[in-house]
């Protein structure tokens, strides 16, 4: 005879509550969707080590993917600058990919390389999300590097580099970077030169791909109207097979030597004006003081312009570029050849004054306003958000951190950073233009002159000795 066993009522109620709690614990999508919609991305990671940040925006008809490879142009082989930029071209060797994303999917397509990273931006309609993920798979999981693509894309880069490197401003920028950083990677051009690009071989690119284009050396952001569960299914399907590196390559390089104190003169026949550069080594992006260095750049520009008076050039620029391994703090101007010495003297005096004298309230607040304007994102909202999150992961500093540092900045802070940057710091100076006129203008400068390509550098005149 069968017996009908049943639980007591209070046990049935307890079991029902426990079951509900268990089911709720395995239904994360609504909670996580609310979290990402509030501005905090949901964090995931594939088994191959690829970190993923998901920001679900219910109702958004578009979706954006941004992939960052955490190795940039600092890893170019010596004598082969532009190698990593060429490698980024090979992620999507066919122009048809750009056309498909922008025209068929109604989105954006962009690949950029700097000293620190390679960034890939893809966007399109959310209902075509899987096609975007598949395009990304083709770039990184099945990246092809065949001889024909290498030859074609290298020729295109050489043509572009030849046109870009011919301008007086570009020649001066290259010269000051080499003067300041020596053999350090920051002395190289991200895009390379025609000569360096011609040395990049297919085997170099294959080695770079295997070392750097790996899942655990990258980060991926997704923002838009794709549910996290759907996104992760696609990422596991299309990017789960992406190879993990055997060992990540650290960005460690020997510090550059002290730059030569003499002004380097680069002769450019046929020019009627001179490009002037003065630079010191700057601060890393992770250094909280890099915001103060940017304020110093704004202060320096105003003071330099004032020191040169009404006859001074109108195109003076001063900038600070904060990068992963340090930075570049540079003063630039285009002037008459006869005014080169005066312009450089005024620049040096500006640095000394910034490091030793106090700022008035008006110039300090004006400089802070200029930096605040530069911190304001002018990109499309989703792109700006992706960049902010990626920078926070790469540099461990957020846009909110930078804004807070700017708001809390005092004149004493800025003067402290000025002393840190400029007091006893090695300064590199370069002047490009008509060589004979530049040598004449700089003949009596204290630090002397070196003529690029000359067998014997020009020294300042020796003092007369009397018997």
Protein backbone atom coordinates (compact mmCIF):
# COMPACT_ATOMS: atom_id res chain seq x y z
CA UNK A 1 0.00 0.00 0.00
CA UNK A 2 1.38 3.45 -1.03
CA UNK A 3 1.68 6.03 1.66
CA UNK A 4 1.40 9.75 0.96
CA UNK A 5 4.13 11.58 2.86
CA UNK A 6 3.83 15.37 3.19
CA UNK A 7 5.90 18.00 4.97
CA UNK A 8 4.46 20.01 7.82
CA UNK A 9 3.12 23.40 6.81
CA UNK A 10 5.85 25.40 8.57
CA UNK A 11 8.56 23.34 6.80
CA UNK A 12 6.90 23.86 3.42
CA UNK A 13 6.84 27.61 4.02
CA UNK A 14 10.50 27.64 5.04
CA UNK A 15 11.48 25.64 1.95
CA UNK A 16 9.53 27.99 -0.30
CA UNK A 17 11.29 31.04 1.12
CA UNK A 18 14.68 29.39 0.76
CA UNK A 19 13.92 28.46 -2.83
CA UNK A 20 12.92 32.06 -3.64
CA UNK A 21 16.11 33.37 -2.10
CA UNK A 22 18.18 30.88 -4.08
CA UNK A 23 16.47 31.82 -7.33
CA UNK A 24 16.99 35.51 -6.66
CA UNK A 25 20.69 34.93 -6.03
CA UNK A 26 21.01 33.37 -9.50
CA UNK A 27 19.11 36.12 -11.28
CA UNK A 28 21.69 38.92 -11.38
CA UNK A 29 20.65 40.61 -14.62
CA UNK A 30 18.17 43.18 -13.24
CA UNK A 31 20.42 44.20 -10.37
CA UNK A 32 23.47 44.38 -12.57
CA UNK A 33 21.58 46.27 -15.26
CA UNK A 34 20.58 48.84 -12.65
CA UNK A 35 24.20 49.05 -11.52
CA UNK A 36 25.59 49.70 -15.00
CA UNK A 37 22.83 52.14 -15.82
CA UNK A 38 23.80 54.16 -12.74
CA UNK A 39 27.32 54.71 -14.12
CA UNK A 40 29.28 51.89 -12.49
CA UNK A 41 30.25 49.22 -15.02
CA UNK A 42 29.78 45.53 -14.37
CA UNK A 43 33.12 43.69 -14.24
CA UNK A 44 33.64 40.33 -15.88
CA UNK A 45 36.62 38.32 -17.08
CA UNK A 46 37.01 35.54 -19.63
CA UNK A 47 38.97 32.41 -18.81
CA UNK A 48 41.80 33.63 -21.05
CA UNK A 49 42.31 36.63 -18.76
CA UNK A 50 40.51 39.31 -20.82
CA UNK A 51 38.95 41.86 -18.41
CA UNK A 52 35.57 43.21 -19.58
CA UNK A 53 33.59 46.21 -18.34
CA UNK A 54 29.89 46.22 -19.25
CA UNK A 55 27.65 49.28 -19.09
CA UNK A 56 24.10 48.26 -20.07
CA UNK A 57 21.86 51.15 -21.13
CA UNK A 58 18.32 49.82 -21.56
CA UNK A 59 16.60 51.28 -24.59
CA UNK A 60 19.80 52.51 -26.23
CA UNK A 61 19.63 51.50 -29.91
CA UNK A 62 23.43 51.61 -30.26
CA UNK A 63 26.33 49.73 -28.72
CA UNK A 64 29.99 50.68 -28.46
CA UNK A 65 33.00 48.40 -28.05
CA UNK A 66 36.42 49.76 -27.16
CA UNK A 67 39.38 47.43 -26.90
CA UNK A 68 42.69 48.60 -25.49
CA UNK A 69 45.94 46.73 -26.07
CA UNK A 70 48.16 47.75 -23.16
CA UNK A 71 51.33 48.04 -25.27
CA UNK A 72 52.04 50.96 -27.56
CA UNK A 73 54.88 52.57 -29.47
CA UNK A 74 57.36 52.34 -26.58
CA UNK A 75 57.79 48.72 -27.69
CA UNK A 76 58.92 49.59 -31.22
CA UNK A 77 62.20 47.85 -31.97
CA UNK A 78 65.22 50.15 -32.03
CA UNK A 79 65.65 51.62 -35.48
CA UNK A 80 62.16 50.46 -36.48
CA UNK A 81 59.91 53.16 -35.00
CA UNK A 82 56.39 53.00 -36.35
CA UNK A 83 56.33 49.22 -35.95
CA UNK A 84 53.45 49.16 -33.45
CA UNK A 85 51.50 51.68 -35.52
CA UNK A 86 51.91 49.41 -38.54
CA UNK A 87 50.85 46.44 -36.40
CA UNK A 88 47.64 48.31 -35.52
CA UNK A 89 46.94 48.79 -39.24
CA UNK A 90 47.13 45.02 -39.67
CA UNK A 91 44.33 44.42 -37.18
CA UNK A 92 41.93 45.46 -39.94
CA UNK A 93 43.96 45.28 -43.17
CA UNK A 94 40.94 45.66 -45.45
CA UNK A 95 39.27 49.01 -45.99
CA UNK A 96 36.01 47.12 -46.45
CA UNK A 97 35.77 46.60 -42.66
CA UNK A 98 35.62 50.34 -42.04
CA UNK A 99 33.00 50.76 -44.76
CA UNK A 100 30.87 47.92 -43.37
CA UNK A 101 30.90 49.26 -39.80
CA UNK A 102 30.22 52.87 -40.71
CA UNK A 103 27.74 52.36 -43.55
CA UNK A 104 26.06 48.99 -42.99
CA UNK A 105 26.01 49.07 -39.18
CA UNK A 106 25.65 52.85 -38.90
CA UNK A 107 28.48 53.11 -36.40
CA UNK A 108 32.05 54.27 -35.82
CA UNK A 109 35.39 52.67 -36.62
CA UNK A 110 38.71 53.94 -35.32
CA UNK A 111 42.12 52.46 -34.53
CA UNK A 112 44.70 54.67 -32.79
CA UNK A 113 48.19 54.10 -31.45
CA UNK A 114 50.13 56.18 -28.93
CA UNK A 115 53.20 55.53 -26.80
CA UNK A 116 51.19 53.56 -24.22
CA UNK A 117 48.41 51.73 -26.09
CA UNK A 118 46.66 50.55 -29.21
CA UNK A 119 42.94 51.42 -29.04
CA UNK A 120 40.20 49.93 -31.22
CA UNK A 121 36.77 51.59 -31.33
CA UNK A 122 33.80 49.84 -32.94
CA UNK A 123 30.17 50.86 -32.65
CA UNK A 124 26.91 50.03 -34.39
CA UNK A 125 23.29 49.15 -33.89
CA UNK A 126 22.64 47.07 -30.80
CA UNK A 127 20.67 44.49 -32.79
CA UNK A 128 23.88 43.85 -34.79
CA UNK A 129 26.03 43.39 -31.70
CA UNK A 130 27.13 39.85 -32.54
CA UNK A 131 28.46 41.05 -35.90
CA UNK A 132 30.60 43.65 -34.14
CA UNK A 133 31.94 40.99 -31.77
CA UNK A 134 32.75 38.78 -34.76
CA UNK A 135 34.62 41.65 -36.45
CA UNK A 136 36.67 42.06 -33.29
CA UNK A 137 37.36 38.32 -33.25
CA UNK A 138 38.74 38.53 -36.79
CA UNK A 139 41.12 41.28 -35.72
CA UNK A 140 42.62 39.77 -32.57
CA UNK A 141 41.90 36.04 -32.51
CA UNK A 142 42.51 35.34 -36.20
CA UNK A 143 44.89 38.23 -36.93
CA UNK A 144 46.52 37.67 -40.26
CA UNK A 145 49.89 39.11 -41.21
CA UNK A 146 50.59 38.17 -44.80
CA UNK A 147 53.36 39.59 -46.94
CA UNK A 148 51.07 41.44 -49.35
CA UNK A 149 49.23 43.29 -46.58
CA UNK A 150 52.50 44.21 -44.88
CA UNK A 151 53.98 45.60 -48.10
CA UNK A 152 50.86 47.60 -48.98
CA UNK A 153 50.23 49.08 -45.53
CA UNK A 154 53.91 49.83 -44.97
CA UNK A 155 54.03 51.73 -48.29
CA UNK A 156 50.98 53.75 -47.23
CA UNK A 157 52.55 54.62 -43.88
CA UNK A 158 55.85 55.60 -45.52
CA UNK A 159 54.00 57.95 -47.87
CA UNK A 160 52.13 59.56 -44.98
CA UNK A 161 55.28 59.84 -42.84
CA UNK A 162 57.20 61.45 -45.68
CA UNK A 163 54.57 64.17 -46.07
CA UNK A 164 54.22 64.76 -42.31
CA UNK A 165 57.93 64.84 -41.51
CA UNK A 166 58.80 67.51 -44.08
CA UNK A 167 57.30 70.48 -42.21
CA UNK A 168 59.61 72.72 -40.12
CA UNK A 169 57.45 72.20 -37.02
CA UNK A 170 57.63 68.41 -37.33
CA UNK A 171 61.41 68.52 -37.77
CA UNK A 172 61.74 70.68 -34.65
CA UNK A 173 59.47 68.39 -32.61
CA UNK A 174 61.48 65.35 -33.65
CA UNK A 175 64.75 67.08 -32.83
CA UNK A 176 63.70 68.21 -29.35
CA UNK A 177 62.38 64.75 -28.46
CA UNK A 178 65.66 63.15 -29.53
CA UNK A 179 67.64 65.81 -27.67
CA UNK A 180 65.67 65.34 -24.45
CA UNK A 181 65.21 61.57 -24.38
CA UNK A 182 68.24 60.19 -26.22
CA UNK A 183 67.66 56.49 -26.89
CA UNK A 184 64.60 56.22 -24.69
CA UNK A 185 61.44 55.23 -26.65
CA UNK A 186 59.91 58.68 -26.05
CA UNK A 187 62.51 60.05 -28.45
CA UNK A 188 60.87 58.13 -31.30
CA UNK A 189 57.90 59.11 -33.42
CA UNK A 190 54.81 56.98 -32.84
CA UNK A 191 54.06 56.96 -36.58
CA UNK A 192 57.69 56.36 -37.51
CA UNK A 193 59.82 57.89 -40.26
CA UNK A 194 60.10 56.77 -43.89
CA UNK A 195 63.50 55.27 -43.11
CA UNK A 196 62.48 53.42 -39.95
CA UNK A 197 59.26 52.06 -41.46
CA UNK A 198 61.21 50.68 -44.42
CA UNK A 199 63.19 48.52 -41.97
CA UNK A 200 60.10 46.86 -40.45
CA UNK A 201 59.82 43.30 -41.76
CA UNK A 202 56.99 40.81 -41.61
CA UNK A 203 58.85 38.70 -39.03
CA UNK A 204 59.11 41.75 -36.74
CA UNK A 205 55.34 42.15 -36.90
CA UNK A 206 54.71 38.45 -36.29
CA UNK A 207 56.85 38.61 -33.17
CA UNK A 208 55.08 41.77 -31.97
CA UNK A 209 51.69 40.15 -32.54
CA UNK A 210 52.62 37.10 -30.50
CA UNK A 211 54.07 39.22 -27.68
CA UNK A 212 51.44 41.94 -27.40
CA UNK A 213 48.14 41.07 -29.11
CA UNK A 214 47.00 38.72 -26.34
CA UNK A 215 43.88 38.50 -24.22
CA UNK A 216 45.56 39.16 -20.88
CA UNK A 217 47.34 42.23 -22.29
CA UNK A 218 44.05 43.91 -23.22
CA UNK A 219 40.88 45.43 -21.76
CA UNK A 220 37.43 45.60 -23.31
CA UNK A 221 34.60 48.05 -22.69
CA UNK A 222 30.99 47.61 -23.85
CA UNK A 223 28.50 50.47 -23.51
CA UNK A 224 24.97 50.45 -24.92
CA UNK A 225 21.70 48.63 -25.31
CA UNK A 226 22.93 45.04 -25.04
CA UNK A 227 22.07 43.03 -21.94
CA UNK A 228 25.13 41.79 -20.02
CA UNK A 229 24.10 38.14 -20.34
CA UNK A 230 23.84 38.44 -24.13
CA UNK A 231 27.12 40.34 -24.31
CA UNK A 232 29.00 37.74 -22.29
CA UNK A 233 27.62 34.89 -24.42
CA UNK A 234 28.95 36.62 -27.50
CA UNK A 235 32.31 37.44 -25.94
CA UNK A 236 32.79 33.86 -24.79
CA UNK A 237 31.88 32.63 -28.26
CA UNK A 238 33.97 35.07 -30.29
CA UNK A 239 36.84 36.03 -27.95
CA UNK A 240 37.10 32.99 -25.69
CA UNK A 241 39.66 31.40 -28.02
CA UNK A 242 41.91 34.48 -27.99
CA UNK A 243 45.35 33.33 -26.92
CA UNK A 244 46.76 34.21 -23.52
CA UNK A 245 50.40 35.29 -23.39
CA UNK A 246 53.06 33.08 -21.87
CA UNK A 247 54.55 36.11 -20.09
CA UNK A 248 53.58 39.78 -20.27
CA UNK A 249 56.34 42.15 -21.40
CA UNK A 250 56.86 44.93 -18.82
CA UNK A 251 57.39 48.51 -19.95
CA UNK A 252 60.77 48.99 -18.30
CA UNK A 253 63.46 51.02 -20.04
CA UNK A 254 66.75 52.58 -19.05
CA UNK A 255 66.41 56.21 -18.04
CA UNK A 256 67.74 58.63 -20.68
CA UNK A 257 71.04 60.42 -20.05
CA UNK A 258 71.23 64.12 -19.21
CA UNK A 259 70.60 66.08 -22.40
CA UNK A 260 73.31 68.28 -23.88
CA UNK A 261 72.91 71.84 -22.57
CA UNK A 262 73.90 73.44 -25.88
CA UNK A 263 71.23 74.64 -28.29
CA UNK A 264 70.98 72.26 -31.23
CA UNK A 265 70.75 74.10 -34.56
CA UNK A 266 69.16 72.22 -37.45
CA UNK A 267 69.76 73.94 -40.78
CA UNK A 268 66.76 74.13 -43.11
CA UNK A 269 67.65 75.77 -46.36
CA UNK A 270 65.04 77.97 -47.95
CA UNK A 271 63.20 78.86 -44.74
CA UNK A 272 62.74 82.44 -43.59
CA UNK A 273 61.64 81.78 -39.99
CA UNK A 274 62.83 79.56 -37.18
CA UNK A 275 61.09 76.95 -35.05
CA UNK A 276 62.19 77.15 -31.41
CA UNK A 277 61.75 74.40 -28.82
CA UNK A 278 62.66 74.19 -25.15
CA UNK A 279 61.74 71.10 -23.13
CA UNK A 280 62.22 69.31 -19.80
CA UNK A 281 61.08 65.87 -18.75
CA UNK A 282 57.57 65.87 -17.38
CA UNK A 283 55.47 63.74 -15.04
CA UNK A 284 53.71 60.41 -15.45
CA UNK A 285 49.94 60.20 -15.81
CA UNK A 286 49.72 58.29 -12.53
CA UNK A 287 51.55 61.11 -10.73
CA UNK A 288 48.96 63.31 -9.02
CA UNK A 289 51.14 66.35 -9.74
CA UNK A 290 50.59 66.03 -13.50
CA UNK A 291 47.55 68.29 -13.17
CA UNK A 292 49.72 70.98 -11.58
CA UNK A 293 52.19 70.54 -14.45
CA UNK A 294 49.37 71.33 -16.88
CA UNK A 295 48.53 74.49 -14.89
CA UNK A 296 52.21 75.43 -15.06
CA UNK A 297 52.07 75.14 -18.84
CA UNK A 298 49.19 77.62 -18.95
CA UNK A 299 51.03 79.98 -16.58
CA UNK A 300 54.25 79.72 -18.58
CA UNK A 301 52.58 80.60 -21.84
CA UNK A 302 51.18 83.85 -20.46
CA UNK A 303 54.45 84.86 -18.85
CA UNK A 304 56.54 83.95 -21.89
CA UNK A 305 54.27 86.00 -24.14
CA UNK A 306 54.46 88.97 -21.76
CA UNK A 307 58.27 88.75 -21.54
CA UNK A 308 58.59 89.00 -25.33
CA UNK A 309 56.24 91.98 -25.48
CA UNK A 310 54.06 93.18 -28.32
CA UNK A 311 56.67 92.20 -30.92
CA UNK A 312 56.64 88.59 -29.77
CA UNK A 313 55.10 85.80 -31.85
CA UNK A 314 51.40 85.06 -31.61
CA UNK A 315 51.78 81.29 -31.87
CA UNK A 316 53.55 80.51 -28.60
CA UNK A 317 52.45 77.18 -27.17
CA UNK A 318 53.35 75.41 -23.93
CA UNK A 319 52.11 71.91 -23.18
CA UNK A 320 52.58 69.04 -20.78
CA UNK A 321 52.01 65.49 -22.02
CA UNK A 322 51.65 62.97 -19.18
CA UNK A 323 52.36 59.39 -20.25
CA UNK A 324 52.78 56.04 -18.52
CA UNK A 325 56.55 56.27 -18.02
CA UNK A 326 56.90 60.01 -17.53
CA UNK A 327 56.07 63.01 -19.62
CA UNK A 328 57.14 65.90 -21.82
CA UNK A 329 56.91 69.58 -20.82
CA UNK A 330 57.59 71.67 -23.91
CA UNK A 331 57.64 75.32 -25.01
CA UNK A 332 57.32 76.03 -28.76
CA UNK A 333 57.31 79.10 -31.00
CA UNK A 334 57.89 80.20 -34.57
CA UNK A 335 59.97 83.38 -34.69
CA UNK A 336 62.27 85.41 -36.90
CA UNK A 337 65.78 83.97 -37.06
CA UNK A 338 67.21 87.12 -35.47
CA UNK A 339 64.90 86.68 -32.45
CA UNK A 340 65.83 83.09 -31.57
CA UNK A 341 68.29 83.94 -28.78
CA UNK A 342 65.90 86.45 -27.21
CA UNK A 343 63.02 83.93 -27.38
CA UNK A 344 65.04 81.17 -25.71
CA UNK A 345 66.41 83.53 -23.06
CA UNK A 346 62.86 84.61 -22.22
CA UNK A 347 61.78 80.97 -22.01
CA UNK A 348 64.59 80.10 -19.58
CA UNK A 349 63.82 83.16 -17.48
CA UNK A 350 60.17 82.08 -17.36
CA UNK A 351 61.13 78.69 -15.96
CA UNK A 352 63.36 80.24 -13.30
CA UNK A 353 60.62 82.65 -12.26
CA UNK A 354 58.00 79.91 -12.05
CA UNK A 355 60.24 77.90 -9.74
CA UNK A 356 61.17 80.78 -7.44
CA UNK A 357 58.45 83.46 -7.36
CA UNK A 358 54.83 83.43 -6.30
CA UNK A 359 51.91 83.73 -8.71
CA UNK A 360 49.30 86.43 -8.52
CA UNK A 361 45.74 85.27 -7.97
CA UNK A 362 44.45 86.43 -11.36
CA UNK A 363 46.97 84.52 -13.48
CA UNK A 364 46.63 81.43 -11.29
CA UNK A 365 42.84 81.31 -11.64
CA UNK A 366 43.05 81.95 -15.38
CA UNK A 367 45.48 79.04 -15.76
CA UNK A 368 43.18 76.76 -13.76
CA UNK A 369 40.24 77.71 -16.00
CA UNK A 370 42.25 76.83 -19.11
CA UNK A 371 43.14 73.41 -17.71
CA UNK A 372 39.55 72.80 -16.57
CA UNK A 373 38.37 73.48 -20.12
CA UNK A 374 40.91 70.99 -21.49
CA UNK A 375 39.69 68.31 -19.05
CA UNK A 376 36.13 68.66 -20.34
CA UNK A 377 35.37 65.87 -22.78
CA UNK A 378 34.27 67.03 -26.24
CA UNK A 379 33.75 63.51 -27.57
CA UNK A 380 30.48 61.66 -27.98
CA UNK A 381 29.23 60.66 -24.50
CA UNK A 382 29.74 56.89 -24.83
CA UNK A 383 33.24 57.33 -26.29
CA UNK A 384 34.20 59.75 -23.52
CA UNK A 385 32.90 57.33 -20.89
CA UNK A 386 34.82 54.42 -22.41
CA UNK A 387 38.03 56.45 -22.51
CA UNK A 388 37.58 57.53 -18.91
CA UNK A 389 37.10 53.96 -17.68
CA UNK A 390 40.01 52.65 -19.74
CA UNK A 391 42.33 55.41 -18.51
CA UNK A 392 41.29 54.66 -14.94
CA UNK A 393 42.29 51.02 -15.47
CA UNK A 394 45.53 51.81 -17.32
CA UNK A 395 46.84 54.69 -15.21
CA UNK A 396 44.97 54.11 -11.93
CA UNK A 397 43.69 57.68 -12.04
CA UNK A 398 40.20 58.79 -12.99
CA UNK A 399 38.83 61.96 -14.54
CA UNK A 400 37.19 62.66 -11.17
CA UNK A 401 40.63 62.37 -9.53
CA UNK A 402 42.06 64.91 -11.96
CA UNK A 403 39.17 67.30 -11.47
CA UNK A 404 39.47 66.98 -7.70
CA UNK A 405 43.22 67.61 -7.87
CA UNK A 406 42.58 70.73 -9.97
CA UNK A 407 39.91 72.04 -7.61
CA UNK A 408 42.14 71.54 -4.57
CA UNK A 409 45.23 73.01 -6.23
CA UNK A 410 46.83 76.01 -4.49
CA UNK A 411 49.55 78.41 -5.66
CA UNK A 412 51.91 76.76 -3.18
CA UNK A 413 51.24 73.35 -4.79
CA UNK A 414 52.00 74.70 -8.25
CA UNK A 415 55.19 76.38 -7.11
CA UNK A 416 56.31 73.15 -5.43
CA UNK A 417 55.77 71.28 -8.71
CA UNK A 418 57.55 74.06 -10.63
CA UNK A 419 60.59 73.58 -8.40
CA UNK A 420 60.34 69.85 -8.94
CA UNK A 421 60.25 70.22 -12.73
CA UNK A 422 62.55 73.15 -13.39
CA UNK A 423 64.98 73.68 -10.51
CA UNK A 424 68.30 72.09 -11.51
CA UNK A 425 66.49 70.14 -14.24
CA UNK A 426 68.35 69.41 -17.49
CA UNK A 427 66.85 71.54 -20.26
CA UNK A 428 66.98 70.70 -23.97
CA UNK A 429 66.77 73.46 -26.60
CA UNK A 430 66.48 73.28 -30.38
CA UNK A 431 66.24 75.85 -33.16
CA UNK A 432 65.53 74.90 -36.77
CA UNK A 433 65.71 77.25 -39.73
CA UNK A 434 68.36 79.10 -41.81
CA UNK A 435 71.57 77.77 -40.25
CA UNK A 436 73.89 80.74 -40.77
CA UNK A 437 71.40 83.22 -39.31
CA UNK A 438 70.67 80.96 -36.33
CA UNK A 439 74.36 80.53 -35.54
CA UNK A 440 74.81 84.29 -35.66
CA UNK A 441 71.81 84.87 -33.38
CA UNK A 442 73.00 82.28 -30.86
CA UNK A 443 76.72 83.01 -31.03
CA UNK A 444 76.87 84.73 -27.64
CA UNK A 445 74.56 82.46 -25.68
CA UNK A 446 75.93 81.07 -22.46
CA UNK A 447 75.38 77.38 -23.15
CA UNK A 448 76.84 77.31 -26.63
CA UNK A 449 75.60 75.85 -29.89
CA UNK A 450 75.79 72.48 -31.59
CA UNK A 451 75.11 72.37 -35.32
CA UNK A 452 73.33 69.22 -36.39
CA UNK A 453 75.57 67.16 -38.67
CA UNK A 454 78.66 69.32 -38.11
CA UNK A 455 81.91 67.53 -37.31
CA UNK A 456 82.87 70.02 -34.63
CA UNK A 457 80.22 71.60 -32.42
CA UNK A 458 80.28 75.34 -31.89
CA UNK A 459 81.25 76.37 -28.36
CA UNK A 460 80.70 79.71 -26.65
CA UNK A 461 83.64 82.09 -27.12
CA UNK A 462 86.49 81.44 -24.70
CA UNK A 463 87.41 84.25 -22.31
CA UNK A 464 90.47 86.33 -23.30
CA UNK A 465 93.54 85.54 -21.19
CA UNK A 466 96.04 88.28 -20.49
CA UNK A 467 99.63 87.47 -19.71
